[in-house]
Amino acid sequence: MNLENLPRFRDHACRINELIPVWAQSYQVSTAAIERQILFAAGWCASNPRRAPKRDVVRFLFNWMSKAKKMGNLVEEKKIMPIVEIEPDLSYEEMVAIRKQNIKEPAT
């Protein structure tokens, strides 16, 4: 992850990049989810300069990840299903057939 554009984390880029896979494995998420949270943390630091960490940035990020996990924010990015348009000229039987195709049978 390129941390050159994040001034608060720039000096600790090497250590943070080493810890990204470790955090991803411990929180059982992808490295992309961890990197997304690092960007959120950088945005929070930019918005709250008085409360942002002056030192021990790695500890701040570790605590950020822990809180994100507890709050349910440290998850994979949700994929949006495409909207399928149904032709308005379908008969009732055709719509029922399409619905049966899309509904999964319950596991028994």
PDB file of N, CA and C in Angstrom:
ATOM      1  N   MET A   1       0.854  -1.179   0.000  1.00  0.00           N
ATOM      2  CA  MET A   1       0.000   0.000   0.000  1.00  0.00           C
ATOM      3  C   MET A   1       0.894   1.234   0.000  1.00  0.00           C
ATOM      4  N   ASN A   2       0.567   2.189  -0.842  1.00  0.00           N
ATOM      5  CA  ASN A   2       1.341   3.422  -0.923  1.00  0.00           C
ATOM      6  C   ASN A   2       0.824   4.407   0.118  1.00  0.00           C
ATOM      7  N   LEU A   3       1.660   4.708   1.099  1.00  0.00           N
ATOM      8  CA  LEU A   3       1.262   5.600   2.180  1.00  0.00           C
ATOM      9  C   LEU A   3       1.885   6.988   2.040  1.00  0.00           C
ATOM     10  N   GLU A   4       2.467   7.281   0.875  1.00  0.00           N
ATOM     11  CA  GLU A   4       3.119   8.572   0.666  1.00  0.00           C
ATOM     12  C   GLU A   4       2.125   9.735   0.717  1.00  0.00           C
ATOM     13  N   ASN A   5       0.882   9.486   0.341  1.00  0.00           N
ATOM     14  CA  ASN A   5      -0.135  10.548   0.337  1.00  0.00           C
ATOM     15  C   ASN A   5      -0.817  10.717   1.693  1.00  0.00           C
ATOM     16  N   LEU A   6      -0.452   9.882   2.651  1.00  0.00           N
ATOM     17  CA  LEU A   6      -1.048   9.963   3.985  1.00  0.00           C
ATOM     18  C   LEU A   6       0.024  10.461   4.951  1.00  0.00           C
ATOM     19  N   PRO A   7       0.086  11.775   5.184  1.00  0.00           N
ATOM     20  CA  PRO A   7       1.203  12.339   5.944  1.00  0.00           C
ATOM     21  C   PRO A   7       1.349  11.776   7.361  1.00  0.00           C
ATOM     22  N   ARG A   8       0.251  11.449   8.002  1.00  0.00           N
ATOM     23  CA  ARG A   8       0.320  10.944   9.369  1.00  0.00           C
ATOM     24  C   ARG A   8       0.990   9.571   9.417  1.00  0.00           C
ATOM     25  N   PHE A   9       0.843   8.792   8.365  1.00  0.00           N
ATOM     26  CA  PHE A   9       1.346   7.419   8.359  1.00  0.00           C
ATOM     27  C   PHE A   9       2.611   7.248   7.514  1.00  0.00           C
ATOM     28  N   ARG A  10       3.057   8.284   6.834  1.00  0.00           N
ATOM     29  CA  ARG A  10       4.175   8.195   5.895  1.00  0.00           C
ATOM     30  C   ARG A  10       5.454   7.686   6.553  1.00  0.00           C
ATOM     31  N   ASP A  11       5.778   8.185   7.739  1.00  0.00           N
ATOM     32  CA  ASP A  11       7.024   7.807   8.405  1.00  0.00           C
ATOM     33  C   ASP A  11       7.023   6.353   8.870  1.00  0.00           C
ATOM     34  N   HIS A  12       5.862   5.758   8.995  1.00  0.00           N
ATOM     35  CA  HIS A  12       5.736   4.386   9.488  1.00  0.00           C
ATOM     36  C   HIS A  12       5.283   3.428   8.389  1.00  0.00           C
ATOM     37  N   ALA A  13       5.473   3.822   7.136  1.00  0.00           N
ATOM     38  CA  ALA A  13       4.952   3.053   5.999  1.00  0.00           C
ATOM     39  C   ALA A  13       5.511   1.631   5.962  1.00  0.00           C
ATOM     40  N   CYS A  14       6.777   1.489   6.241  1.00  0.00           N
ATOM     41  CA  CYS A  14       7.393   0.161   6.171  1.00  0.00           C
ATOM     42  C   CYS A  14       6.766  -0.784   7.198  1.00  0.00           C
ATOM     43  N   ARG A  15       6.640  -0.322   8.430  1.00  0.00           N
ATOM     44  CA  ARG A  15       6.066  -1.155   9.491  1.00  0.00           C
ATOM     45  C   ARG A  15       4.591  -1.455   9.229  1.00  0.00           C
ATOM     46  N   ILE A  16       3.849  -0.473   8.755  1.00  0.00           N
ATOM     47  CA  ILE A  16       2.422  -0.672   8.478  1.00  0.00           C
ATOM     48  C   ILE A  16       2.247  -1.688   7.354  1.00  0.00           C
ATOM     49  N   ASN A  17       3.065  -1.564   6.300  1.00  0.00           N
ATOM     50  CA  ASN A  17       2.967  -2.519   5.189  1.00  0.00           C
ATOM     51  C   ASN A  17       3.333  -3.930   5.618  1.00  0.00           C
ATOM     52  N   GLU A  18       4.223  -4.069   6.597  1.00  0.00           N
ATOM     53  CA  GLU A  18       4.542  -5.394   7.133  1.00  0.00           C
ATOM     54  C   GLU A  18       3.368  -5.972   7.910  1.00  0.00           C
ATOM     55  N   LEU A  19       2.616  -5.116   8.579  1.00  0.00           N
ATOM     56  CA  LEU A  19       1.534  -5.572   9.451  1.00  0.00           C
ATOM     57  C   LEU A  19       0.209  -5.803   8.728  1.00  0.00           C
ATOM     58  N   ILE A  20       0.038  -5.272   7.534  1.00  0.00           N
ATOM     59  CA  ILE A  20      -1.231  -5.441   6.814  1.00  0.00           C
ATOM     60  C   ILE A  20      -1.585  -6.913   6.633  1.00  0.00           C
ATOM     61  N   PRO A  21      -0.668  -7.781   6.148  1.00  0.00           N
ATOM     62  CA  PRO A  21      -1.044  -9.201   6.025  1.00  0.00           C
ATOM     63  C   PRO A  21      -1.282  -9.868   7.383  1.00  0.00           C
ATOM     64  N   VAL A  22      -0.568  -9.429   8.404  1.00  0.00           N
ATOM     65  CA  VAL A  22      -0.758 -10.001   9.745  1.00  0.00           C
ATOM     66  C   VAL A  22      -2.150  -9.650  10.266  1.00  0.00           C
ATOM     67  N   TRP A  23      -2.535  -8.384  10.120  1.00  0.00           N
ATOM     68  CA  TRP A  23      -3.869  -7.959  10.548  1.00  0.00           C
ATOM     69  C   TRP A  23      -4.946  -8.674   9.743  1.00  0.00           C
ATOM     70  N   ALA A  24      -4.717  -8.822   8.441  1.00  0.00           N
ATOM     71  CA  ALA A  24      -5.708  -9.494   7.583  1.00  0.00           C
ATOM     72  C   ALA A  24      -5.913 -10.935   8.038  1.00  0.00           C
ATOM     73  N   GLN A  25      -4.824 -11.603   8.399  1.00  0.00           N
ATOM     74  CA  GLN A  25      -4.948 -12.983   8.852  1.00  0.00           C
ATOM     75  C   GLN A  25      -5.604 -13.055  10.228  1.00  0.00           C
ATOM     76  N   SER A  26      -5.214 -12.155  11.137  1.00  0.00           N
ATOM     77  CA  SER A  26      -5.807 -12.232  12.476  1.00  0.00           C
ATOM     78  C   SER A  26      -7.281 -11.855  12.507  1.00  0.00           C
ATOM     79  N   TYR A  27      -7.689 -10.917  11.659  1.00  0.00           N
ATOM     80  CA  TYR A  27      -9.099 -10.528  11.638  1.00  0.00           C
ATOM     81  C   TYR A  27      -9.902 -11.308  10.595  1.00  0.00           C
ATOM     82  N   GLN A  28      -9.246 -12.196   9.868  1.00  0.00           N
ATOM     83  CA  GLN A  28      -9.866 -13.071   8.876  1.00  0.00           C
ATOM     84  C   GLN A  28     -10.627 -12.285   7.805  1.00  0.00           C
ATOM     85  N   VAL A  29      -9.944 -11.280   7.265  1.00  0.00           N
ATOM     86  CA  VAL A  29     -10.471 -10.497   6.152  1.00  0.00           C
ATOM     87  C   VAL A  29      -9.363 -10.357   5.114  1.00  0.00           C
ATOM     88  N   SER A  30      -9.680  -9.804   3.984  1.00  0.00           N
ATOM     89  CA  SER A  30      -8.678  -9.608   2.948  1.00  0.00           C
ATOM     90  C   SER A  30      -7.807  -8.400   3.270  1.00  0.00           C
ATOM     91  N   THR A  31      -6.669  -8.329   2.617  1.00  0.00           N
ATOM     92  CA  THR A  31      -5.799  -7.160   2.815  1.00  0.00           C
ATOM     93  C   THR A  31      -6.476  -5.890   2.293  1.00  0.00           C
ATOM     94  N   ALA A  32      -7.358  -6.036   1.311  1.00  0.00           N
ATOM     95  CA  ALA A  32      -8.084  -4.870   0.786  1.00  0.00           C
ATOM     96  C   ALA A  32      -8.978  -4.253   1.863  1.00  0.00           C
ATOM     97  N   ALA A  33      -9.588  -5.091   2.706  1.00  0.00           N
ATOM     98  CA  ALA A  33     -10.432  -4.576   3.793  1.00  0.00           C
ATOM     99  C   ALA A  33      -9.586  -3.819   4.811  1.00  0.00           C
ATOM    100  N   ILE A  34      -8.394  -4.330   5.105  1.00  0.00           N
ATOM    101  CA  ILE A  34      -7.491  -3.647   6.039  1.00  0.00           C
ATOM    102  C   ILE A  34      -7.033  -2.321   5.443  1.00  0.00           C
ATOM    103  N   GLU A  35      -6.658  -2.326   4.174  1.00  0.00           N
ATOM    104  CA  GLU A  35      -6.208  -1.095   3.520  1.00  0.00           C
ATOM    105  C   GLU A  35      -7.317  -0.052   3.475  1.00  0.00           C
ATOM    106  N   ARG A  36      -8.551  -0.502   3.267  1.00  0.00           N
ATOM    107  CA  ARG A  36      -9.690   0.425   3.264  1.00  0.00           C
ATOM    108  C   ARG A  36      -9.855   1.074   4.637  1.00  0.00           C
ATOM    109  N   GLN A  37      -9.673   0.287   5.711  1.00  0.00           N
ATOM    110  CA  GLN A  37      -9.778   0.841   7.059  1.00  0.00           C
ATOM    111  C   GLN A  37      -8.630   1.812   7.356  1.00  0.00           C
ATOM    112  N   ILE A  38      -7.452   1.546   6.801  1.00  0.00           N
ATOM    113  CA  ILE A  38      -6.334   2.480   6.984  1.00  0.00           C
ATOM    114  C   ILE A  38      -6.666   3.819   6.334  1.00  0.00           C
ATOM    115  N   LEU A  39      -7.309   3.770   5.170  1.00  0.00           N
ATOM    116  CA  LEU A  39      -7.722   5.020   4.523  1.00  0.00           C
ATOM    117  C   LEU A  39      -8.785   5.745   5.342  1.00  0.00           C
ATOM    118  N   PHE A  40      -9.711   5.001   5.936  1.00  0.00           N
ATOM    119  CA  PHE A  40     -10.709   5.620   6.815  1.00  0.00           C
ATOM    120  C   PHE A  40     -10.029   6.270   8.018  1.00  0.00           C
ATOM    121  N   ALA A  41      -9.038   5.581   8.596  1.00  0.00           N
ATOM    122  CA  ALA A  41      -8.313   6.120   9.745  1.00  0.00           C
ATOM    123  C   ALA A  41      -7.558   7.389   9.354  1.00  0.00           C
ATOM    124  N   ALA A  42      -6.976   7.404   8.168  1.00  0.00           N
ATOM    125  CA  ALA A  42      -6.263   8.598   7.703  1.00  0.00           C
ATOM    126  C   ALA A  42      -7.230   9.764   7.517  1.00  0.00           C
ATOM    127  N   GLY A  43      -8.397   9.474   6.994  1.00  0.00           N
ATOM    128  CA  GLY A  43      -9.413  10.524   6.856  1.00  0.00           C
ATOM    129  C   GLY A  43      -9.863  11.057   8.200  1.00  0.00           C
ATOM    130  N   TRP A  44     -10.011  10.161   9.179  1.00  0.00           N
ATOM    131  CA  TRP A  44     -10.391  10.594  10.522  1.00  0.00           C
ATOM    132  C   TRP A  44      -9.301  11.475  11.122  1.00  0.00           C
ATOM    133  N   CYS A  45      -8.039  11.098  10.929  1.00  0.00           N
ATOM    134  CA  CYS A  45      -6.919  11.884  11.459  1.00  0.00           C
ATOM    135  C   CYS A  45      -6.876  13.277  10.825  1.00  0.00           C
ATOM    136  N   ALA A  46      -7.158  13.338   9.519  1.00  0.00           N
ATOM    137  CA  ALA A  46      -7.167  14.630   8.840  1.00  0.00           C
ATOM    138  C   ALA A  46      -8.305  15.514   9.342  1.00  0.00           C
ATOM    139  N   SER A  47      -9.415  14.900   9.703  1.00  0.00           N
ATOM    140  CA  SER A  47     -10.572  15.660  10.187  1.00  0.00           C
ATOM    141  C   SER A  47     -10.467  16.023  11.661  1.00  0.00           C
ATOM    142  N   ASN A  48      -9.673  15.263  12.405  1.00  0.00           N
ATOM    143  CA  ASN A  48      -9.520  15.487  13.848  1.00  0.00           C
ATOM    144  C   ASN A  48      -8.041  15.631  14.212  1.00  0.00           C
ATOM    145  N   PRO A  49      -7.381  16.707  13.768  1.00  0.00           N
ATOM    146  CA  PRO A  49      -5.939  16.807  13.991  1.00  0.00           C
ATOM    147  C   PRO A  49      -5.537  16.877  15.462  1.00  0.00           C
ATOM    148  N   ARG A  50      -6.385  17.432  16.311  1.00  0.00           N
ATOM    149  CA  ARG A  50      -6.045  17.506  17.745  1.00  0.00           C
ATOM    150  C   ARG A  50      -6.081  16.135  18.406  1.00  0.00           C
ATOM    151  N   ARG A  51      -6.991  15.282  17.974  1.00  0.00           N
ATOM    152  CA  ARG A  51      -7.140  13.956  18.582  1.00  0.00           C
ATOM    153  C   ARG A  51      -6.330  12.882  17.870  1.00  0.00           C
ATOM    154  N   ALA A  52      -5.782  13.210  16.713  1.00  0.00           N
ATOM    155  CA  ALA A  52      -5.008  12.241  15.939  1.00  0.00           C
ATOM    156  C   ALA A  52      -3.696  11.931  16.666  1.00  0.00           C
ATOM    157  N   PRO A  53      -3.175  10.716  16.472  1.00  0.00           N
ATOM    158  CA  PRO A  53      -1.956  10.338  17.187  1.00  0.00           C
ATOM    159  C   PRO A  53      -0.742  11.120  16.683  1.00  0.00           C
ATOM    160  N   LYS A  54       0.069  11.580  17.622  1.00  0.00           N
ATOM    161  CA  LYS A  54       1.309  12.267  17.267  1.00  0.00           C
ATOM    162  C   LYS A  54       2.453  11.268  17.175  1.00  0.00           C
ATOM    163  N   ARG A  55       2.337  10.184  17.931  1.00  0.00           N
ATOM    164  CA  ARG A  55       3.337   9.119  17.915  1.00  0.00           C
ATOM    165  C   ARG A  55       2.615   7.799  18.121  1.00  0.00           C
ATOM    166  N   ASP A  56       3.322   6.730  17.957  1.00  0.00           N
ATOM    167  CA  ASP A  56       2.767   5.384  18.104  1.00  0.00           C
ATOM    168  C   ASP A  56       1.556   5.154  17.185  1.00  0.00           C
ATOM    169  N   VAL A  57       1.781   5.444  15.912  1.00  0.00           N
ATOM    170  CA  VAL A  57       0.735   5.337  14.898  1.00  0.00           C
ATOM    171  C   VAL A  57       0.309   3.886  14.690  1.00  0.00           C
ATOM    172  N   VAL A  58       1.252   2.952  14.813  1.00  0.00           N
ATOM    173  CA  VAL A  58       0.928   1.543  14.615  1.00  0.00           C
ATOM    174  C   VAL A  58      -0.059   1.075  15.682  1.00  0.00           C
ATOM    175  N   ARG A  59       0.148   1.510  16.906  1.00  0.00           N
ATOM    176  CA  ARG A  59      -0.784   1.166  17.983  1.00  0.00           C
ATOM    177  C   ARG A  59      -2.164   1.755  17.701  1.00  0.00           C
ATOM    178  N   PHE A  60      -2.195   3.003  17.214  1.00  0.00           N
ATOM    179  CA  PHE A  60      -3.458   3.645  16.853  1.00  0.00           C
ATOM    180  C   PHE A  60      -4.195   2.820  15.798  1.00  0.00           C
ATOM    181  N   LEU A  61      -3.462   2.366  14.761  1.00  0.00           N
ATOM    182  CA  LEU A  61      -4.099   1.576  13.706  1.00  0.00           C
ATOM    183  C   LEU A  61      -4.576   0.223  14.219  1.00  0.00           C
ATOM    184  N   PHE A  62      -3.801  -0.396  15.109  1.00  0.00           N
ATOM    185  CA  PHE A  62      -4.230  -1.663  15.692  1.00  0.00           C
ATOM    186  C   PHE A  62      -5.538  -1.466  16.460  1.00  0.00           C
ATOM    187  N   ASN A  63      -5.612  -0.412  17.276  1.00  0.00           N
ATOM    188  CA  ASN A  63      -6.845  -0.131  18.012  1.00  0.00           C
ATOM    189  C   ASN A  63      -7.990   0.201  17.065  1.00  0.00           C
ATOM    190  N   TRP A  64      -7.680   0.895  15.967  1.00  0.00           N
ATOM    191  CA  TRP A  64      -8.701   1.223  14.959  1.00  0.00           C
ATOM    192  C   TRP A  64      -9.282  -0.055  14.362  1.00  0.00           C
ATOM    193  N   MET A  65      -8.401  -1.010  14.025  1.00  0.00           N
ATOM    194  CA  MET A  65      -8.871  -2.278  13.444  1.00  0.00           C
ATOM    195  C   MET A  65      -9.718  -3.056  14.445  1.00  0.00           C
ATOM    196  N   SER A  66      -9.309  -3.050  15.708  1.00  0.00           N
ATOM    197  CA  SER A  66     -10.080  -3.760  16.737  1.00  0.00           C
ATOM    198  C   SER A  66     -11.477  -3.176  16.882  1.00  0.00           C
ATOM    199  N   LYS A  67     -11.557  -1.854  16.915  1.00  0.00           N
ATOM    200  CA  LYS A  67     -12.870  -1.206  17.026  1.00  0.00           C
ATOM    201  C   LYS A  67     -13.709  -1.441  15.772  1.00  0.00           C
ATOM    202  N   ALA A  68     -13.071  -1.402  14.614  1.00  0.00           N
ATOM    203  CA  ALA A  68     -13.798  -1.641  13.361  1.00  0.00           C
ATOM    204  C   ALA A  68     -14.357  -3.064  13.340  1.00  0.00           C
ATOM    205  N   LYS A  69     -13.599  -4.024  13.835  1.00  0.00           N
ATOM    206  CA  LYS A  69     -14.069  -5.413  13.885  1.00  0.00           C
ATOM    207  C   LYS A  69     -15.257  -5.545  14.839  1.00  0.00           C
ATOM    208  N   LYS A  70     -15.153  -4.899  16.016  1.00  0.00           N
ATOM    209  CA  LYS A  70     -16.249  -4.972  16.997  1.00  0.00           C
ATOM    210  C   LYS A  70     -17.524  -4.327  16.465  1.00  0.00           C
ATOM    211  N   MET A  71     -17.363  -3.240  15.717  1.00  0.00           N
ATOM    212  CA  MET A  71     -18.532  -2.517  15.200  1.00  0.00           C
ATOM    213  C   MET A  71     -19.066  -3.132  13.910  1.00  0.00           C
ATOM    214  N   GLY A  72     -18.361  -4.118  13.361  1.00  0.00           N
ATOM    215  CA  GLY A  72     -18.829  -4.764  12.143  1.00  0.00           C
ATOM    216  C   GLY A  72     -18.428  -4.052  10.871  1.00  0.00           C
ATOM    217  N   ASN A  73     -17.479  -3.122  10.961  1.00  0.00           N
ATOM    218  CA  ASN A  73     -17.062  -2.380   9.773  1.00  0.00           C
ATOM    219  C   ASN A  73     -15.892  -3.022   9.048  1.00  0.00           C
ATOM    220  N   LEU A  74     -15.229  -3.959   9.679  1.00  0.00           N
ATOM    221  CA  LEU A  74     -14.069  -4.606   9.074  1.00  0.00           C
ATOM    222  C   LEU A  74     -14.549  -5.851   8.345  1.00  0.00           C
ATOM    223  N   VAL A  75     -15.168  -5.623   7.199  1.00  0.00           N
ATOM    224  CA  VAL A  75     -15.734  -6.717   6.401  1.00  0.00           C
ATOM    225  C   VAL A  75     -15.318  -6.534   4.953  1.00  0.00           C
ATOM    226  N   GLU A  76     -15.543  -7.558   4.185  1.00  0.00           N
ATOM    227  CA  GLU A  76     -15.260  -7.481   2.760  1.00  0.00           C
ATOM    228  C   GLU A  76     -16.217  -6.484   2.114  1.00  0.00           C
ATOM    229  N   GLU A  77     -15.765  -5.897   1.020  1.00  0.00           N
ATOM    230  CA  GLU A  77     -16.614  -4.956   0.301  1.00  0.00           C
ATOM    231  C   GLU A  77     -17.804  -5.701  -0.288  1.00  0.00           C
ATOM    232  N   LYS A  78     -18.971  -5.162  -0.085  1.00  0.00           N
ATOM    233  CA  LYS A  78     -20.182  -5.812  -0.576  1.00  0.00           C
ATOM    234  C   LYS A  78     -20.304  -5.635  -2.077  1.00  0.00           C
ATOM    235  N   LYS A  79     -20.640  -6.717  -2.736  1.00  0.00           N
ATOM    236  CA  LYS A  79     -20.826  -6.665  -4.181  1.00  0.00           C
ATOM    237  C   LYS A  79     -22.302  -6.414  -4.462  1.00  0.00           C
ATOM    238  N   ILE A  80     -22.558  -5.470  -5.310  1.00  0.00           N
ATOM    239  CA  ILE A  80     -23.926  -5.099  -5.646  1.00  0.00           C
ATOM    240  C   ILE A  80     -24.393  -5.954  -6.815  1.00  0.00           C
ATOM    241  N   MET A  81     -25.542  -6.573  -6.635  1.00  0.00           N
ATOM    242  CA  MET A  81     -26.111  -7.407  -7.692  1.00  0.00           C
ATOM    243  C   MET A  81     -26.684  -6.507  -8.780  1.00  0.00           C
ATOM    244  N   PRO A  82     -26.465  -6.877 -10.029  1.00  0.00           N
ATOM    245  CA  PRO A  82     -27.024  -6.059 -11.109  1.00  0.00           C
ATOM    246  C   PRO A  82     -28.553  -6.161 -11.131  1.00  0.00           C
ATOM    247  N   ILE A  83     -29.170  -5.099 -11.547  1.00  0.00           N
ATOM    248  CA  ILE A  83     -30.628  -5.067 -11.651  1.00  0.00           C
ATOM    249  C   ILE A  83     -31.024  -5.689 -12.985  1.00  0.00           C
ATOM    250  N   VAL A  84     -31.874  -6.663 -12.903  1.00  0.00           N
ATOM    251  CA  VAL A  84     -32.342  -7.337 -14.110  1.00  0.00           C
ATOM    252  C   VAL A  84     -33.727  -6.797 -14.435  1.00  0.00           C
ATOM    253  N   GLU A  85     -33.851  -6.300 -15.636  1.00  0.00           N
ATOM    254  CA  GLU A  85     -35.142  -5.772 -16.046  1.00  0.00           C
ATOM    255  C   GLU A  85     -35.979  -6.887 -16.666  1.00  0.00           C
ATOM    256  N   ILE A  86     -37.228  -6.942 -16.281  1.00  0.00           N
ATOM    257  CA  ILE A  86     -38.149  -7.939 -16.834  1.00  0.00           C
ATOM    258  C   ILE A  86     -38.994  -7.246 -17.884  1.00  0.00           C
ATOM    259  N   GLU A  87     -39.127  -7.909 -18.986  1.00  0.00           N
ATOM    260  CA  GLU A  87     -39.924  -7.338 -20.066  1.00  0.00           C
ATOM    261  C   GLU A  87     -41.373  -7.200 -19.615  1.00  0.00           C
ATOM    262  N   PRO A  88     -42.019  -6.095 -19.916  1.00  0.00           N
ATOM    263  CA  PRO A  88     -43.398  -5.895 -19.479  1.00  0.00           C
ATOM    264  C   PRO A  88     -44.399  -6.788 -20.218  1.00  0.00           C
ATOM    265  N   ASP A  89     -43.999  -7.422 -21.313  1.00  0.00           N
ATOM    266  CA  ASP A  89     -44.924  -8.225 -22.102  1.00  0.00           C
ATOM    267  C   ASP A  89     -45.007  -9.676 -21.638  1.00  0.00           C
ATOM    268  N   LEU A  90     -44.388 -10.012 -20.520  1.00  0.00           N
ATOM    269  CA  LEU A  90     -44.405 -11.398 -20.066  1.00  0.00           C
ATOM    270  C   LEU A  90     -45.790 -11.781 -19.543  1.00  0.00           C
ATOM    271  N   SER A  91     -46.135 -13.013 -19.787  1.00  0.00           N
ATOM    272  CA  SER A  91     -47.392 -13.515 -19.243  1.00  0.00           C
ATOM    273  C   SER A  91     -47.171 -13.940 -17.787  1.00  0.00           C
ATOM    274  N   TYR A  92     -48.253 -14.220 -17.113  1.00  0.00           N
ATOM    275  CA  TYR A  92     -48.187 -14.648 -15.718  1.00  0.00           C
ATOM    276  C   TYR A  92     -47.384 -15.938 -15.582  1.00  0.00           C
ATOM    277  N   GLU A  93     -47.586 -16.864 -16.467  1.00  0.00           N
ATOM    278  CA  GLU A  93     -46.879 -18.144 -16.418  1.00  0.00           C
ATOM    279  C   GLU A  93     -45.381 -17.966 -16.626  1.00  0.00           C
ATOM    280  N   GLU A  94     -45.006 -17.051 -17.526  1.00  0.00           N
ATOM    281  CA  GLU A  94     -43.588 -16.798 -17.758  1.00  0.00           C
ATOM    282  C   GLU A  94     -42.934 -16.158 -16.530  1.00  0.00           C
ATOM    283  N   MET A  95     -43.655 -15.264 -15.878  1.00  0.00           N
ATOM    284  CA  MET A  95     -43.119 -14.637 -14.659  1.00  0.00           C
ATOM    285  C   MET A  95     -42.953 -15.662 -13.543  1.00  0.00           C
ATOM    286  N   VAL A  96     -43.906 -16.571 -13.408  1.00  0.00           N
ATOM    287  CA  VAL A  96     -43.816 -17.623 -12.402  1.00  0.00           C
ATOM    288  C   VAL A  96     -42.620 -18.524 -12.693  1.00  0.00           C
ATOM    289  N   ALA A  97     -42.396 -18.843 -13.939  1.00  0.00           N
ATOM    290  CA  ALA A  97     -41.263 -19.687 -14.325  1.00  0.00           C
ATOM    291  C   ALA A  97     -39.936 -18.996 -14.008  1.00  0.00           C
ATOM    292  N   ILE A  98     -39.833 -17.710 -14.269  1.00  0.00           N
ATOM    293  CA  ILE A  98     -38.618 -16.955 -13.956  1.00  0.00           C
ATOM    294  C   ILE A  98     -38.393 -16.911 -12.450  1.00  0.00           C
ATOM    295  N   ARG A  99     -39.466 -16.709 -11.707  1.00  0.00           N
ATOM    296  CA  ARG A  99     -39.364 -16.659 -10.245  1.00  0.00           C
ATOM    297  C   ARG A  99     -38.889 -17.994  -9.690  1.00  0.00           C
ATOM    298  N   LYS A 100     -39.384 -19.093 -10.228  1.00  0.00           N
ATOM    299  CA  LYS A 100     -38.960 -20.416  -9.769  1.00  0.00           C
ATOM    300  C   LYS A 100     -37.485 -20.644 -10.064  1.00  0.00           C
ATOM    301  N   GLN A 101     -36.990 -20.108 -11.169  1.00  0.00           N
ATOM    302  CA  GLN A 101     -35.572 -20.240 -11.498  1.00  0.00           C
ATOM    303  C   GLN A 101     -34.704 -19.471 -10.503  1.00  0.00           C
ATOM    304  N   ASN A 102     -35.174 -18.324 -10.030  1.00  0.00           N
ATOM    305  CA  ASN A 102     -34.376 -17.468  -9.161  1.00  0.00           C
ATOM    306  C   ASN A 102     -34.457 -17.841  -7.688  1.00  0.00           C
ATOM    307  N   ILE A 103     -35.493 -18.557  -7.293  1.00  0.00           N
ATOM    308  CA  ILE A 103     -35.642 -18.948  -5.888  1.00  0.00           C
ATOM    309  C   ILE A 103     -34.899 -20.256  -5.657  1.00  0.00           C
ATOM    310  N   LYS A 104     -34.043 -20.257  -4.651  1.00  0.00           N
ATOM    311  CA  LYS A 104     -33.297 -21.466  -4.338  1.00  0.00           C
ATOM    312  C   LYS A 104     -34.162 -22.383  -3.489  1.00  0.00           C
ATOM    313  N   GLU A 105     -34.013 -23.659  -3.724  1.00  0.00           N
ATOM    314  CA  GLU A 105     -34.747 -24.646  -2.943  1.00  0.00           C
ATOM    315  C   GLU A 105     -34.110 -24.740  -1.559  1.00  0.00           C
ATOM    316  N   PRO A 106     -34.910 -24.820  -0.490  1.00  0.00           N
ATOM    317  CA  PRO A 106     -34.341 -24.958   0.861  1.00  0.00           C
ATOM    318  C   PRO A 106     -33.642 -26.304   1.006  1.00  0.00           C
ATOM    319  N   ALA A 107     -32.514 -26.295   1.725  1.00  0.00           N
ATOM    320  CA  ALA A 107     -31.776 -27.534   1.960  1.00  0.00           C
ATOM    321  C   ALA A 107     -32.533 -28.385   2.961  1.00  0.00           C
ATOM    322  N   THR A 108     -32.629 -29.657   2.648  1.00  0.00           N
ATOM    323  CA  THR A 108     -33.341 -30.563   3.565  1.00  0.00           C
ATOM    324  C   THR A 108     -32.374 -31.524   4.206  1.00  0.00           C
TER     325      THR A 108
END
